[in-house]
Amino acid sequence: MAKPIILTPEGFEKLEKELEYLKVTGRKDIAEKIKIARGFGDLSENAEYDAAKDAQAAMEKRIGELEEMIKNAQVVDVNAVGTDTVSILSKVTVYDVDMEEEETYTIVGTTEADPDANKISDESPIGMALLGKKKGDVVTVETPGGSFELKIVEISK
């Protein structure tokens, strides 16, 4: 059995929209590019044709990936998320003991991780260290660059 893909409702919808776009518009666009490239003559020396076929293969691979992700999706309901312990979709404000600063993260599945938006994966070192912990807990985060401590200041939705 494949590993479940943990998603927010928004993340699931985004995957469905991308899949629909690729199946309808993407396939149509690639077919048109292949048709045009065939008109350039000898296919054995036709770089445009080769590029279009490569793009088609990459798109079909992505379609397969998206279908597999959607099939294995586990959509987490934000209303089911509590604020007693850190879980998927929790917003966690932490105090970095070494840097003496606060930061707020949202814990998400790996598919939706976006460090620039402070959305961190449940499988990242910080995410793994925080999951299951409570307000006031101090956790040690182990990274390839060393370890550091975070104190959980607040857990919210």
C-alpha atoms as a PDB file:
ATOM      1  CA  MET A   1       0.000   0.000   0.000  1.00  0.00           C
ATOM      2  CA  ALA A   2       1.293   3.442  -0.891  1.00  0.00           C
ATOM      3  CA  LYS A   3       2.060   5.993   1.770  1.00  0.00           C
ATOM      4  CA  PRO A   4      -0.858   8.410   2.335  1.00  0.00           C
ATOM      5  CA  ILE A   5      -0.399  11.926   0.994  1.00  0.00           C
ATOM      6  CA  ILE A   6      -1.517  14.335   3.709  1.00  0.00           C
ATOM      7  CA  LEU A   7      -3.285  17.370   2.244  1.00  0.00           C
ATOM      8  CA  THR A   8      -5.406  20.296   3.264  1.00  0.00           C
ATOM      9  CA  PRO A   9      -8.706  20.672   1.389  1.00  0.00           C
ATOM     10  CA  GLU A  10      -7.073  23.534  -0.557  1.00  0.00           C
ATOM     11  CA  GLY A  11      -4.059  21.406  -1.439  1.00  0.00           C
ATOM     12  CA  PHE A  12      -6.291  18.573  -2.654  1.00  0.00           C
ATOM     13  CA  GLU A  13      -8.279  20.988  -4.820  1.00  0.00           C
ATOM     14  CA  LYS A  14      -5.055  22.414  -6.260  1.00  0.00           C
ATOM     15  CA  LEU A  15      -3.898  18.930  -7.299  1.00  0.00           C
ATOM     16  CA  GLU A  16      -7.274  18.179  -8.886  1.00  0.00           C
ATOM     17  CA  LYS A  17      -7.192  21.438 -10.849  1.00  0.00           C
ATOM     18  CA  GLU A  18      -3.638  20.794 -12.076  1.00  0.00           C
ATOM     19  CA  LEU A  19      -4.616  17.279 -13.172  1.00  0.00           C
ATOM     20  CA  GLU A  20      -7.694  18.549 -15.012  1.00  0.00           C
ATOM     21  CA  TYR A  21      -5.659  21.270 -16.735  1.00  0.00           C
ATOM     22  CA  LEU A  22      -2.985  18.828 -17.887  1.00  0.00           C
ATOM     23  CA  LYS A  23      -5.505  16.261 -19.117  1.00  0.00           C
ATOM     24  CA  VAL A  24      -7.588  18.768 -21.078  1.00  0.00           C
ATOM     25  CA  THR A  25      -5.517  21.802 -22.043  1.00  0.00           C
ATOM     26  CA  GLY A  26      -2.014  20.358 -21.657  1.00  0.00           C
ATOM     27  CA  ARG A  27      -2.630  17.318 -23.832  1.00  0.00           C
ATOM     28  CA  LYS A  28      -4.328  19.438 -26.483  1.00  0.00           C
ATOM     29  CA  ASP A  29      -1.412  21.912 -26.556  1.00  0.00           C
ATOM     30  CA  ILE A  30       1.201  19.162 -26.823  1.00  0.00           C
ATOM     31  CA  ALA A  31      -0.728  17.404 -29.591  1.00  0.00           C
ATOM     32  CA  GLU A  32      -0.775  20.682 -31.541  1.00  0.00           C
ATOM     33  CA  LYS A  33       2.987  21.164 -31.052  1.00  0.00           C
ATOM     34  CA  ILE A  34       3.647  17.619 -32.285  1.00  0.00           C
ATOM     35  CA  LYS A  35       1.409  18.199 -35.302  1.00  0.00           C
ATOM     36  CA  ILE A  36       3.248  21.426 -36.193  1.00  0.00           C
ATOM     37  CA  ALA A  37       6.671  19.817 -35.665  1.00  0.00           C
ATOM     38  CA  ARG A  38       5.752  16.937 -37.992  1.00  0.00           C
ATOM     39  CA  GLY A  39       5.215  19.522 -40.706  1.00  0.00           C
ATOM     40  CA  PHE A  40       8.893  20.481 -40.518  1.00  0.00           C
ATOM     41  CA  GLY A  41       9.911  17.342 -42.371  1.00  0.00           C
ATOM     42  CA  ASP A  42      12.176  14.403 -41.593  1.00  0.00           C
ATOM     43  CA  LEU A  43      11.386  13.278 -38.036  1.00  0.00           C
ATOM     44  CA  SER A  44      14.837  11.713 -37.542  1.00  0.00           C
ATOM     45  CA  GLU A  45      16.496  15.156 -37.611  1.00  0.00           C
ATOM     46  CA  ASN A  46      13.626  17.236 -36.271  1.00  0.00           C
ATOM     47  CA  ALA A  47      14.594  18.911 -32.978  1.00  0.00           C
ATOM     48  CA  GLU A  48      11.160  20.518 -32.565  1.00  0.00           C
ATOM     49  CA  TYR A  49       9.486  17.113 -32.852  1.00  0.00           C
ATOM     50  CA  ASP A  50      11.884  15.573 -30.327  1.00  0.00           C
ATOM     51  CA  ALA A  51      11.288  18.470 -27.905  1.00  0.00           C
ATOM     52  CA  ALA A  52       7.519  18.150 -28.253  1.00  0.00           C
ATOM     53  CA  LYS A  53       7.663  14.382 -27.647  1.00  0.00           C
ATOM     54  CA  ASP A  54       9.892  14.940 -24.584  1.00  0.00           C
ATOM     55  CA  ALA A  55       7.397  17.518 -23.258  1.00  0.00           C
ATOM     56  CA  GLN A  56       4.591  15.040 -23.857  1.00  0.00           C
ATOM     57  CA  ALA A  57       6.426  12.318 -21.914  1.00  0.00           C
ATOM     58  CA  ALA A  58       7.128  14.697 -19.012  1.00  0.00           C
ATOM     59  CA  MET A  59       3.494  15.807 -18.913  1.00  0.00           C
ATOM     60  CA  GLU A  60       2.197  12.223 -18.968  1.00  0.00           C
ATOM     61  CA  LYS A  61       4.581  11.390 -16.115  1.00  0.00           C
ATOM     62  CA  ARG A  62       3.211  14.325 -14.097  1.00  0.00           C
ATOM     63  CA  ILE A  63      -0.366  13.224 -14.832  1.00  0.00           C
ATOM     64  CA  GLY A  64       0.483   9.782 -13.459  1.00  0.00           C
ATOM     65  CA  GLU A  65       2.066  11.305 -10.354  1.00  0.00           C
ATOM     66  CA  LEU A  66      -0.969  13.520  -9.732  1.00  0.00           C
ATOM     67  CA  GLU A  67      -3.394  10.616 -10.180  1.00  0.00           C
ATOM     68  CA  GLU A  68      -1.394   8.546  -7.685  1.00  0.00           C
ATOM     69  CA  MET A  69      -1.259  11.424  -5.175  1.00  0.00           C
ATOM     70  CA  ILE A  70      -5.010  12.027  -5.438  1.00  0.00           C
ATOM     71  CA  LYS A  71      -5.710   8.298  -5.074  1.00  0.00           C
ATOM     72  CA  ASN A  72      -3.618   8.163  -1.884  1.00  0.00           C
ATOM     73  CA  ALA A  73      -4.723  11.543  -0.505  1.00  0.00           C
ATOM     74  CA  GLN A  74      -5.695  11.874   3.114  1.00  0.00           C
ATOM     75  CA  VAL A  75      -7.481  15.220   3.436  1.00  0.00           C
ATOM     76  CA  VAL A  76      -7.206  16.722   6.914  1.00  0.00           C
ATOM     77  CA  ASP A  77     -10.189  18.729   8.142  1.00  0.00           C
ATOM     78  CA  VAL A  78      -9.007  21.941   9.797  1.00  0.00           C
ATOM     79  CA  ASN A  79     -12.040  21.789  12.132  1.00  0.00           C
ATOM     80  CA  ALA A  80     -10.796  18.480  13.532  1.00  0.00           C
ATOM     81  CA  VAL A  81      -7.447  20.016  14.509  1.00  0.00           C
ATOM     82  CA  GLY A  82      -7.150  20.669  18.213  1.00  0.00           C
ATOM     83  CA  THR A  83      -4.973  23.185  20.006  1.00  0.00           C
ATOM     84  CA  ASP A  84      -3.814  20.985  22.890  1.00  0.00           C
ATOM     85  CA  THR A  85      -1.032  19.272  20.952  1.00  0.00           C
ATOM     86  CA  VAL A  86       0.793  19.976  17.691  1.00  0.00           C
ATOM     87  CA  SER A  87      -0.640  18.073  14.723  1.00  0.00           C
ATOM     88  CA  ILE A  88      -0.999  18.451  10.967  1.00  0.00           C
ATOM     89  CA  LEU A  89      -2.476  21.906  10.178  1.00  0.00           C
ATOM     90  CA  SER A  90      -1.507  23.307  13.573  1.00  0.00           C
ATOM     91  CA  LYS A  91      -0.084  26.817  13.614  1.00  0.00           C
ATOM     92  CA  VAL A  92       2.742  26.723  16.093  1.00  0.00           C
ATOM     93  CA  THR A  93       4.521  29.752  17.499  1.00  0.00           C
ATOM     94  CA  VAL A  94       7.937  28.792  18.820  1.00  0.00           C
ATOM     95  CA  TYR A  95      10.722  30.642  20.579  1.00  0.00           C
ATOM     96  CA  ASP A  96      14.199  29.806  19.309  1.00  0.00           C
ATOM     97  CA  VAL A  97      16.281  29.661  22.492  1.00  0.00           C
ATOM     98  CA  ASP A  98      19.631  30.213  20.713  1.00  0.00           C
ATOM     99  CA  MET A  99      18.515  32.977  18.329  1.00  0.00           C
ATOM    100  CA  GLU A 100      16.208  34.576  20.923  1.00  0.00           C
ATOM    101  CA  GLU A 101      13.380  35.102  18.424  1.00  0.00           C
ATOM    102  CA  GLU A 102       9.862  33.842  17.777  1.00  0.00           C
ATOM    103  CA  GLU A 103       8.613  32.234  14.587  1.00  0.00           C
ATOM    104  CA  THR A 104       5.223  30.821  13.599  1.00  0.00           C
ATOM    105  CA  TYR A 105       4.958  27.708  11.443  1.00  0.00           C
ATOM    106  CA  THR A 106       2.051  25.791   9.987  1.00  0.00           C
ATOM    107  CA  ILE A 107       2.620  22.038   9.940  1.00  0.00           C
ATOM    108  CA  VAL A 108       1.542  20.521   6.600  1.00  0.00           C
ATOM    109  CA  GLY A 109       2.153  17.364   4.586  1.00  0.00           C
ATOM    110  CA  THR A 110       5.256  17.213   2.382  1.00  0.00           C
ATOM    111  CA  THR A 111       3.274  18.024  -0.786  1.00  0.00           C
ATOM    112  CA  GLU A 112       2.215  21.429   0.532  1.00  0.00           C
ATOM    113  CA  ALA A 113       5.429  22.422   2.298  1.00  0.00           C
ATOM    114  CA  ASP A 114       6.514  25.976   1.465  1.00  0.00           C
ATOM    115  CA  PRO A 115       9.304  27.254   3.723  1.00  0.00           C
ATOM    116  CA  ASP A 116       8.990  30.778   2.291  1.00  0.00           C
ATOM    117  CA  ALA A 117       5.413  30.886   3.621  1.00  0.00           C
ATOM    118  CA  ASN A 118       6.436  29.182   6.911  1.00  0.00           C
ATOM    119  CA  LYS A 119       4.545  26.015   5.923  1.00  0.00           C
ATOM    120  CA  ILE A 120       6.806  23.199   7.053  1.00  0.00           C
ATOM    121  CA  SER A 121       6.492  19.498   6.391  1.00  0.00           C
ATOM    122  CA  ASP A 122       5.533  17.068   9.101  1.00  0.00           C
ATOM    123  CA  GLU A 123       8.588  15.099   7.936  1.00  0.00           C
ATOM    124  CA  SER A 124      11.038  18.009   8.271  1.00  0.00           C
ATOM    125  CA  PRO A 125      13.322  18.098  11.328  1.00  0.00           C
ATOM    126  CA  ILE A 126      11.291  20.924  12.926  1.00  0.00           C
ATOM    127  CA  GLY A 127       7.952  19.354  11.997  1.00  0.00           C
ATOM    128  CA  MET A 128       8.922  15.946  13.408  1.00  0.00           C
ATOM    129  CA  ALA A 129      10.242  17.520  16.608  1.00  0.00           C
ATOM    130  CA  LEU A 130       7.038  19.519  17.178  1.00  0.00           C
ATOM    131  CA  LEU A 131       4.389  16.879  16.374  1.00  0.00           C
ATOM    132  CA  GLY A 132       2.573  15.650  19.450  1.00  0.00           C
ATOM    133  CA  LYS A 133       4.091  18.266  21.756  1.00  0.00           C
ATOM    134  CA  LYS A 134       2.202  20.744  23.964  1.00  0.00           C
ATOM    135  CA  LYS A 135       2.396  24.437  24.764  1.00  0.00           C
ATOM    136  CA  GLY A 136       5.382  25.094  27.027  1.00  0.00           C
ATOM    137  CA  ASP A 137       7.332  22.045  25.816  1.00  0.00           C
ATOM    138  CA  VAL A 138      10.949  22.578  24.788  1.00  0.00           C
ATOM    139  CA  VAL A 139      12.050  20.382  21.883  1.00  0.00           C
ATOM    140  CA  THR A 140      15.484  19.704  20.479  1.00  0.00           C
ATOM    141  CA  VAL A 141      15.596  19.839  16.689  1.00  0.00           C
ATOM    142  CA  GLU A 142      18.291  17.686  15.103  1.00  0.00           C
ATOM    143  CA  THR A 143      19.515  18.899  11.693  1.00  0.00           C
ATOM    144  CA  PRO A 144      22.554  18.078   9.563  1.00  0.00           C
ATOM    145  CA  GLY A 145      23.967  21.459  10.627  1.00  0.00           C
ATOM    146  CA  GLY A 146      23.573  20.737  14.335  1.00  0.00           C
ATOM    147  CA  SER A 147      20.851  20.844  16.939  1.00  0.00           C
ATOM    148  CA  PHE A 148      18.887  23.702  18.468  1.00  0.00           C
ATOM    149  CA  GLU A 149      16.056  24.147  20.943  1.00  0.00           C
ATOM    150  CA  LEU A 150      12.573  25.531  20.359  1.00  0.00           C
ATOM    151  CA  LYS A 151      10.024  26.323  23.066  1.00  0.00           C
ATOM    152  CA  ILE A 152       6.366  26.034  22.034  1.00  0.00           C
ATOM    153  CA  VAL A 153       4.714  29.351  22.868  1.00  0.00           C
ATOM    154  CA  GLU A 154       1.298  28.841  21.253  1.00  0.00           C
ATOM    155  CA  ILE A 155      -0.686  26.268  19.269  1.00  0.00           C
ATOM    156  CA  SER A 156      -3.626  27.438  17.174  1.00  0.00           C
ATOM    157  CA  LYS A 157      -5.641  26.575  14.059  1.00  0.00           C
END
